[in-house]
Each structure stands twice: as C-alpha cells, then as structure tokens.
Amino acid sequence: MHVNANGSDPLRGRDLITLRDFDREEIDYILEVAKDLKKRMAQGDMPRTLDRKTLYMMFYNSSLRTRNSFETGMTQLGGNAHYLEPSSVYVPALAGEEEAFKSERISDVARVLSQMGEGIALRIFGDPTDWKYGRGNKIIREFAEWSSVPVLNMLDNMYHPHQGLADAMTMKEKLGDLKDKKITVSWAYSESTKKTLSVAHSALMASSFYGMDITLAHPVGFDLDDEVLGDVKKNVKRYGGSFDKVHDMDEAVEDADVVYAKSWPVKSAIPPEVDEPDWEKAKQMFEDNKDWIINQERMDKTNDGIYMHCLPASRNQEVTDEVMDGPQSVVFDEAGNRLHAQKAVMSLLMR
C-alpha cells in the first residue's frame, strides 16, 4: 500500500482501499472537510483544490452513483476524472495472467498512469473476478503496490469505503452525536443472489468508530467476514458502544435509530470456499428467507429510526415502496453525500 512519509500531512498521498486502514481521528478529519465542502457548495463556493489534476477511473462494472459522484467531484475541485473501461484498453492483469495484445500487467499500467495523473480509482467485483471473494481487492492492492499516486477503491467485493464515509456523514447529519445510538445492519432479501459483502462491511466499520450500539442481523448461513468483524469489535472496544448479532429481523430493528438493510451473498457458496459459485444453493437460501424485508411495520418498531441503503435497492424485496419513499428514508441524502465525502477524500489524498 502506498503511504506518504510526510508526517506533517499524514493523509496526503495515502490510498483509500478500506476504512480498516484508518483510525477515528483520520475519519473525523475527512468528514469535517466533507461537511465544509458541502456547506461551501451550497453558498456557491467551490475551491479548486485539484486544479488541472487528473483521476483515472477504471470501471470493470457499471455504475450510477459512484461514477457520477467522482466525475462531478473532480470537476467541482477544478480537475478531470478520466473514465476507463478495461475492454477499451489492454485489460490490466495480475503477473502471470497476461495475454499477448489483450492484456497488460497491472504493475505496468499503474506506473504508466502514475506518470500522467494524480490518482487512480478502481471498481471491480462480480463477473470480472469470477465471483472469487477477495480477488477484486487483490487487484486494487496490486495497483496500489505499483502506483506512486493514491489509489482509491470505488467498490470491490470486500469493501466500499467511500460509501461507508457517506453513511457516517449522513448519520451524523440526521442524528448528531452517534454515541449510544443503535444501528441495525441487516441482510434483506433480493431476487438476485449475485451481491457483494462490501456495503455491510463498510457500514459496520464506519459505525464502529463512533460508539454506536451495533446489531448485525442475518439468517443463519449468511455470515460476513470474520476478520472484518474482528476489527469492528476492536473499534467497539476502543471507541465505545457494543456489538451484537441476531438471526431475527424483528428483534434486530427494535428501538433502532438506524436501519441499514441490504442484501449480501452466501459466502459459503462462492470461491474460495467452493471451487465454483453454487448459485442454486444461494438461490434456495435466499428464497427460504423472503420475509426479510423492511416494511413500515418493522420501521414502527424502531426509535423513529432512519432507513438507509447504498442504492440501487431491490424495491418490494429488500424494502417496500412505502418505506423507501417515506419520511424515515434518507437514502437520497445518503447518495448525495457520496459527492461531498469523495471530494474530501480526493482533496486530502491527491493534493
């Protein structure tokens, strides 16, 4: 991982691959800058912090919020976000996986782009990784190993750190001091079994910096990454709050201040835990838990809690229209905060 050695400016030159690499003071600083940039934007003041600088964005997957928030953010900061599709260049490949005139070693791509711009951002999960858990993160870290400029994770199948920052920013705006507030991070049903664990992991990590009482809820068999949960528990011990896990959605949402309900995959049905993805097993497990949906009846059990989701949501599967479009939903403010959180990250890391 590329880390700047300048102790007087500890965030400058850093990569952002996962919030696990940061502490609360650093997260606080990023969110303070995001809040200031949002306020200044509302007043018509957009500082050109990254004047004529370039962020290269490599998208292995489609995107609405991520692509547009990064592109808009770079424009507002005075720079340029350059969109790259792997299929339109020589596809970046790990060492030993190159194909002549079809792909190019990541170490070469990263060093070339580092000569031309001030940042590299990547989004990679799912089919481009053969659904192997951790492979997208490995590719992003390979870029970071060879890049001399910051590398930003725009989503892999393990982490979505910029979403986690926007989540924390939104919760602080809506609830104020997050200490002792209860957040329920819950699995929810979707027809599609092809999901990532990244949003749940990053939401839990972001919450664990602020002394929140965290409840993780999912049906039996939908476990998250034990190493990630281990770091969440370490943060709870360090910063306060609590961590609990339940297998009942109604119990989980009781008295919650925040309900974050999002589908994620059956980890035991995807590589490397199995040789090939077992979509039939995953489909059956999903169908057995179709009642894991956030509806108004469940929101009425909360402490007048807010409903959050990274979007796009599977309407009337993960969440009913009544909740999604209702007064407790903050999903569109949450999406808007992606812009401000990412502007803060780029301003601090790429300047």
Protein backbone atom coordinates (compact mmCIF):
# COMPACT_ATOMS: atom_id res chain seq x y z
CA MET A 1 0.00 0.00 0.00
CA HIS A 2 1.30 3.42 -0.96
CA VAL A 3 1.65 5.65 2.12
CA ASN A 4 3.16 9.09 2.13
CA ALA A 5 6.02 9.54 4.61
CA ASN A 6 5.25 13.21 5.24
CA GLY A 7 4.33 13.14 8.93
CA SER A 8 3.11 16.75 8.89
CA ASP A 9 0.42 15.89 6.35
CA PRO A 10 -0.48 12.27 7.15
CA LEU A 11 -3.36 11.87 4.67
CA ARG A 12 -1.65 13.30 1.63
CA GLY A 13 -0.58 10.54 -0.74
CA ARG A 14 -2.47 7.80 1.13
CA ASP A 15 -4.54 5.12 -0.56
CA LEU A 16 -8.15 4.51 0.45
CA ILE A 17 -8.85 0.82 -0.05
CA THR A 18 -10.66 0.08 3.19
CA LEU A 19 -11.65 2.03 6.30
CA ARG A 20 -9.81 -0.67 8.26
CA ASP A 21 -6.59 1.20 7.38
CA PHE A 22 -7.72 4.41 9.14
CA ASP A 23 -8.41 5.49 12.71
CA ARG A 24 -11.17 7.67 14.10
CA GLU A 25 -9.14 10.87 14.06
CA GLU A 26 -8.45 10.43 10.35
CA ILE A 27 -12.09 9.59 9.60
CA ASP A 28 -13.18 12.64 11.62
CA TYR A 29 -10.86 14.86 9.62
CA ILE A 30 -12.21 13.58 6.30
CA LEU A 31 -15.81 14.11 7.45
CA GLU A 32 -15.06 17.61 8.75
CA VAL A 33 -13.67 18.55 5.34
CA ALA A 34 -16.69 16.93 3.64
CA LYS A 35 -19.06 18.95 5.81
CA ASP A 36 -17.18 22.16 5.00
CA LEU A 37 -17.14 21.43 1.26
CA LYS A 38 -20.88 20.71 1.31
CA LYS A 39 -21.59 23.99 3.08
CA ARG A 40 -19.37 25.95 0.74
CA MET A 41 -21.00 24.35 -2.30
CA ALA A 42 -24.41 25.46 -1.02
CA GLN A 43 -23.02 29.00 -0.82
CA GLY A 44 -21.70 28.84 -4.38
CA ASP A 45 -18.08 28.50 -3.29
CA MET A 46 -16.21 25.60 -4.92
CA PRO A 47 -12.48 25.68 -4.12
CA ARG A 48 -10.30 24.44 -6.97
CA THR A 49 -8.22 22.25 -4.70
CA LEU A 50 -7.27 19.87 -7.52
CA ASP A 51 -6.87 22.42 -10.31
CA ARG A 52 -5.86 20.65 -13.56
CA LYS A 53 -5.21 17.36 -11.76
CA THR A 54 -6.47 14.05 -13.15
CA LEU A 55 -8.09 10.99 -11.58
CA TYR A 56 -8.03 7.87 -13.74
CA MET A 57 -11.16 5.80 -13.06
CA MET A 58 -11.09 2.15 -14.11
CA PHE A 59 -14.59 0.65 -14.16
CA TYR A 60 -14.87 -3.11 -14.56
CA ASN A 61 -18.57 -2.77 -13.62
CA SER A 62 -21.43 -0.41 -14.38
CA SER A 63 -22.18 2.47 -12.02
CA LEU A 64 -24.58 5.35 -11.48
CA ARG A 65 -23.76 6.98 -8.12
CA THR A 66 -20.06 6.14 -7.98
CA ARG A 67 -19.10 7.26 -11.47
CA ASN A 68 -21.13 10.45 -11.39
CA SER A 69 -20.12 11.47 -7.87
CA PHE A 70 -16.42 11.04 -8.65
CA GLU A 71 -16.65 12.79 -12.01
CA THR A 72 -18.73 15.65 -10.61
CA GLY A 73 -16.46 15.94 -7.60
CA MET A 74 -13.30 16.21 -9.68
CA THR A 75 -14.94 18.83 -11.91
CA GLN A 76 -16.02 20.90 -8.91
CA LEU A 77 -12.49 20.67 -7.48
CA GLY A 78 -11.06 22.00 -10.75
CA GLY A 79 -9.71 18.71 -12.04
CA ASN A 80 -10.65 16.00 -14.50
CA ALA A 81 -11.93 12.45 -13.97
CA HIS A 82 -10.90 10.24 -16.88
CA TYR A 83 -13.23 7.26 -17.44
CA LEU A 84 -11.59 3.98 -18.48
CA GLU A 85 -13.22 0.70 -19.40
CA PRO A 86 -10.86 -2.30 -19.25
CA SER A 87 -12.24 -3.50 -22.59
CA SER A 88 -11.19 -0.25 -24.28
CA VAL A 89 -7.54 -0.59 -23.20
CA TYR A 90 -5.25 -3.55 -22.69
CA VAL A 91 -7.03 -5.21 -19.76
CA PRO A 92 -4.91 -4.86 -16.59
CA ALA A 93 -3.85 -8.34 -15.43
CA LEU A 94 -2.00 -9.85 -12.50
CA ALA A 95 1.50 -11.16 -13.15
CA GLY A 96 1.34 -14.47 -14.98
CA GLU A 97 -2.20 -13.89 -16.25
CA GLU A 98 -1.40 -11.64 -19.20
CA GLU A 99 -2.46 -12.48 -22.76
CA ALA A 100 -0.46 -11.01 -25.63
CA PHE A 101 -2.14 -7.97 -27.23
CA LYS A 102 -5.19 -8.44 -24.96
CA SER A 103 -3.95 -7.50 -21.52
CA GLU A 104 -1.13 -5.67 -19.76
CA ARG A 105 0.46 -6.36 -16.39
CA ILE A 106 -1.02 -4.23 -13.60
CA SER A 107 2.46 -3.18 -12.48
CA ASP A 108 2.99 -1.56 -15.89
CA VAL A 109 -0.46 0.06 -16.09
CA ALA A 110 -0.15 1.54 -12.60
CA ARG A 111 3.28 3.02 -13.28
CA VAL A 112 2.17 4.49 -16.61
CA LEU A 113 -0.93 6.17 -15.17
CA SER A 114 1.13 7.43 -12.20
CA GLN A 115 3.30 9.33 -14.67
CA MET A 116 0.31 11.15 -16.09
CA GLY A 117 -2.18 11.83 -13.29
CA GLU A 118 -2.56 12.32 -9.57
CA GLY A 119 -4.85 9.42 -8.67
CA ILE A 120 -6.15 6.02 -9.78
CA ALA A 121 -9.57 4.70 -8.80
CA LEU A 122 -10.97 1.22 -9.46
CA ARG A 123 -14.34 -0.53 -9.26
CA ILE A 124 -14.19 -4.31 -9.62
CA PHE A 125 -16.39 -7.13 -8.38
CA GLY A 126 -18.55 -9.99 -9.62
CA ASP A 127 -18.09 -11.46 -13.09
CA PRO A 128 -14.71 -9.78 -13.79
CA THR A 129 -13.38 -11.57 -10.68
CA ASP A 130 -15.17 -14.89 -11.38
CA TRP A 131 -17.03 -14.14 -8.12
CA LYS A 132 -13.97 -15.12 -6.12
CA TYR A 133 -14.17 -13.35 -2.76
CA GLY A 134 -11.13 -11.12 -2.28
CA ARG A 135 -9.92 -11.15 -5.88
CA GLY A 136 -11.14 -7.64 -6.68
CA ASN A 137 -9.45 -6.33 -3.55
CA LYS A 138 -6.25 -8.17 -4.57
CA ILE A 139 -6.28 -6.41 -7.94
CA ILE A 140 -6.81 -2.99 -6.33
CA ARG A 141 -3.97 -3.65 -3.90
CA GLU A 142 -1.73 -4.68 -6.79
CA PHE A 143 -2.39 -1.27 -8.36
CA ALA A 144 -1.54 0.37 -5.02
CA GLU A 145 1.68 -1.63 -4.77
CA TRP A 146 3.00 -0.20 -8.04
CA SER A 147 1.36 3.22 -8.14
CA SER A 148 3.21 6.32 -6.95
CA VAL A 149 -0.10 8.22 -6.62
CA PRO A 150 -3.10 7.47 -4.37
CA VAL A 151 -5.29 4.51 -5.27
CA LEU A 152 -8.99 4.75 -4.37
CA ASN A 153 -11.35 1.80 -4.02
CA MET A 154 -14.65 2.57 -5.75
CA LEU A 155 -16.05 -0.85 -4.68
CA ASP A 156 -14.76 -4.38 -4.60
CA ASN A 157 -16.44 -7.47 -3.20
CA MET A 158 -14.95 -6.87 0.25
CA TYR A 159 -15.11 -3.10 0.81
CA HIS A 160 -16.91 0.07 -0.26
CA PRO A 161 -15.08 2.68 1.85
CA HIS A 162 -16.44 5.81 0.19
CA GLN A 163 -19.98 4.56 0.79
CA GLY A 164 -19.04 3.99 4.44
CA LEU A 165 -17.86 7.59 4.72
CA ALA A 166 -21.09 8.88 3.17
CA ASP A 167 -23.05 6.67 5.57
CA ALA A 168 -21.26 8.11 8.60
CA MET A 169 -21.71 11.65 7.29
CA THR A 170 -25.44 11.08 6.80
CA MET A 171 -25.94 9.57 10.25
CA LYS A 172 -24.13 12.48 11.89
CA GLU A 173 -26.28 14.97 9.96
CA LYS A 174 -29.53 13.26 10.90
CA LEU A 175 -28.77 12.11 14.47
CA GLY A 176 -25.99 14.38 15.76
CA ASP A 177 -23.71 12.65 18.25
CA LEU A 178 -23.75 8.95 17.35
CA LYS A 179 -22.59 7.70 20.72
CA ASP A 180 -25.04 5.12 22.13
CA LYS A 181 -27.26 5.34 19.05
CA LYS A 182 -28.40 1.93 17.85
CA ILE A 183 -27.70 0.89 14.26
CA THR A 184 -29.07 -2.32 12.81
CA VAL A 185 -27.17 -3.62 9.80
CA SER A 186 -29.33 -6.35 8.35
CA TRP A 187 -29.41 -8.74 5.44
CA ALA A 188 -32.52 -8.35 3.26
CA TYR A 189 -34.00 -10.47 0.51
CA SER A 190 -33.44 -9.88 -3.20
CA GLU A 191 -34.22 -11.97 -6.27
CA SER A 192 -30.58 -11.62 -7.30
CA THR A 193 -28.07 -13.72 -5.35
CA LYS A 194 -25.12 -12.03 -7.06
CA LYS A 195 -24.18 -9.45 -4.44
CA THR A 196 -21.09 -8.24 -2.59
CA LEU A 197 -20.30 -8.16 1.12
CA SER A 198 -18.67 -4.75 0.75
CA VAL A 199 -21.52 -2.46 1.80
CA ALA A 200 -22.30 -4.34 5.00
CA HIS A 201 -18.61 -4.50 5.92
CA SER A 202 -18.07 -0.78 5.33
CA ALA A 203 -21.27 0.27 7.12
CA LEU A 204 -20.23 -1.75 10.15
CA MET A 205 -16.71 -0.32 10.10
CA ALA A 206 -17.94 3.26 9.77
CA SER A 207 -20.37 2.78 12.67
CA SER A 208 -17.71 1.25 14.89
CA PHE A 209 -15.70 4.49 15.05
CA TYR A 210 -18.48 6.39 16.83
CA GLY A 211 -19.54 4.46 19.93
CA MET A 212 -22.71 3.13 18.36
CA ASP A 213 -24.61 0.10 19.60
CA ILE A 214 -24.32 -2.17 16.59
CA THR A 215 -26.68 -5.04 15.85
CA LEU A 216 -25.81 -7.30 12.94
CA ALA A 217 -28.79 -9.33 11.71
CA HIS A 218 -28.96 -12.06 9.12
CA PRO A 219 -30.44 -15.53 8.60
CA VAL A 220 -28.32 -18.50 9.62
CA GLY A 221 -25.72 -19.15 6.91
CA PHE A 222 -25.32 -15.56 5.70
CA ASP A 223 -22.17 -14.86 7.69
CA LEU A 224 -19.85 -11.95 6.99
CA ASP A 225 -16.04 -11.98 7.03
CA ASP A 226 -14.74 -12.89 10.49
CA GLU A 227 -11.61 -10.74 10.06
CA VAL A 228 -13.67 -7.66 9.26
CA LEU A 229 -15.97 -8.33 12.20
CA GLY A 230 -12.89 -8.74 14.37
CA ASP A 231 -11.78 -5.20 13.50
CA VAL A 232 -15.30 -3.90 14.12
CA LYS A 233 -15.20 -5.42 17.60
CA LYS A 234 -11.74 -3.92 18.24
CA ASN A 235 -13.10 -0.48 17.34
CA VAL A 236 -16.07 -1.00 19.67
CA LYS A 237 -13.67 -1.83 22.48
CA ARG A 238 -11.53 1.22 21.66
CA TYR A 239 -14.24 3.81 20.95
CA GLY A 240 -17.21 2.50 22.96
CA GLY A 241 -20.61 1.15 22.03
CA SER A 242 -21.48 -2.50 21.66
CA PHE A 243 -21.75 -5.28 19.10
CA ASP A 244 -24.41 -7.97 18.95
CA LYS A 245 -25.51 -10.50 16.32
CA VAL A 246 -29.02 -11.90 15.96
CA HIS A 247 -30.91 -14.05 13.46
CA ASP A 248 -34.30 -12.37 13.77
CA MET A 249 -35.12 -9.21 11.83
CA ASP A 250 -37.95 -8.11 14.14
CA GLU A 251 -35.70 -8.41 17.18
CA ALA A 252 -32.92 -6.57 15.36
CA VAL A 253 -34.91 -3.45 14.46
CA GLU A 254 -36.45 -3.00 17.92
CA ASP A 255 -35.62 0.54 19.16
CA ALA A 256 -33.10 1.11 16.37
CA ASP A 257 -32.09 4.66 15.49
CA VAL A 258 -30.74 3.49 12.11
CA VAL A 259 -31.86 0.57 9.97
CA TYR A 260 -29.44 -0.32 7.19
CA ALA A 261 -30.92 -3.31 5.36
CA LYS A 262 -29.05 -4.62 2.34
CA SER A 263 -28.77 -7.98 0.61
CA TRP A 264 -25.42 -9.75 0.52
CA PRO A 265 -24.26 -13.12 -0.83
CA VAL A 266 -23.95 -16.55 0.73
CA LYS A 267 -20.20 -16.50 1.35
CA SER A 268 -20.04 -20.29 1.63
CA ALA A 269 -21.44 -20.59 -1.91
CA ILE A 270 -18.73 -18.55 -3.66
CA PRO A 271 -14.99 -19.12 -4.19
CA PRO A 272 -12.62 -19.64 -2.50
CA GLU A 273 -14.89 -21.56 -0.09
CA VAL A 274 -16.05 -23.59 -3.11
CA ASP A 275 -14.34 -24.18 -6.45
CA GLU A 276 -17.19 -22.68 -8.49
CA PRO A 277 -20.10 -20.42 -7.45
CA ASP A 278 -23.04 -22.52 -6.27
CA TRP A 279 -25.88 -20.26 -7.35
CA GLU A 280 -28.50 -22.96 -6.81
CA LYS A 281 -27.57 -23.28 -3.15
CA ALA A 282 -27.57 -19.49 -2.78
CA LYS A 283 -30.92 -19.17 -4.56
CA GLN A 284 -32.56 -21.69 -2.25
CA MET A 285 -31.20 -19.95 0.86
CA PHE A 286 -32.44 -16.60 -0.45
CA GLU A 287 -35.90 -17.96 -1.24
CA ASP A 288 -36.13 -19.50 2.23
CA ASN A 289 -35.81 -16.01 3.71
CA LYS A 290 -38.10 -13.89 1.54
CA ASP A 291 -39.68 -12.45 4.68
CA TRP A 292 -36.50 -10.48 5.45
CA ILE A 293 -37.90 -7.21 4.10
CA ILE A 294 -38.04 -3.77 5.67
CA ASN A 295 -41.66 -2.66 5.74
CA GLN A 296 -43.48 0.02 7.71
CA GLU A 297 -44.48 -2.44 10.41
CA ARG A 298 -40.83 -3.09 11.13
CA MET A 299 -39.89 0.59 10.94
CA ASP A 300 -42.62 1.26 13.52
CA LYS A 301 -40.66 -0.94 15.95
CA THR A 302 -37.68 1.42 15.75
CA ASN A 303 -36.94 4.53 17.79
CA ASP A 304 -38.39 6.64 14.96
CA GLY A 305 -35.31 5.41 13.17
CA ILE A 306 -33.98 6.37 9.76
CA TYR A 307 -33.81 3.92 6.89
CA MET A 308 -30.54 3.71 4.92
CA HIS A 309 -29.43 1.88 1.78
CA CYS A 310 -26.50 2.37 -0.59
CA LEU A 311 -28.78 2.04 -3.68
CA PRO A 312 -29.87 0.66 -6.00
CA ALA A 313 -32.37 -1.09 -3.75
CA SER A 314 -34.48 -4.05 -4.76
CA ARG A 315 -37.85 -2.39 -4.25
CA ASN A 316 -40.51 -4.52 -2.56
CA GLN A 317 -37.89 -7.19 -1.93
CA GLU A 318 -35.29 -5.55 0.33
CA VAL A 319 -37.63 -2.69 1.22
CA THR A 320 -41.19 -1.66 0.47
CA ASP A 321 -42.01 1.43 -1.56
CA GLU A 322 -43.77 2.83 1.50
CA VAL A 323 -40.53 2.87 3.47
CA MET A 324 -38.20 3.73 0.59
CA ASP A 325 -40.22 6.80 -0.34
CA GLY A 326 -41.42 7.58 3.18
CA PRO A 327 -40.38 10.18 5.77
CA GLN A 328 -37.94 7.87 7.58
CA SER A 329 -35.93 7.17 4.44
CA VAL A 330 -32.70 9.15 4.00
CA VAL A 331 -31.37 7.17 1.04
CA PHE A 332 -31.24 10.09 -1.39
CA ASP A 333 -29.47 12.39 1.07
CA GLU A 334 -27.12 9.48 1.66
CA ALA A 335 -26.48 9.18 -2.08
CA GLY A 336 -25.88 12.92 -2.32
CA ASN A 337 -23.30 12.74 0.45
CA ARG A 338 -21.21 10.44 -1.71
CA LEU A 339 -20.23 13.58 -3.65
CA HIS A 340 -19.09 15.53 -0.60
CA ALA A 341 -17.33 12.65 1.15
CA GLN A 342 -15.42 11.77 -2.01
CA LYS A 343 -14.48 15.39 -2.65
CA ALA A 344 -12.98 15.46 0.83
CA VAL A 345 -11.04 12.24 0.20
CA MET A 346 -9.69 13.46 -3.12
CA SER A 347 -8.82 16.89 -1.74
CA LEU A 348 -6.88 15.43 1.17
CA LEU A 349 -5.19 12.48 -0.54
CA MET A 350 -4.47 13.86 -4.02
CA ARG A 351 -3.39 17.45 -3.32
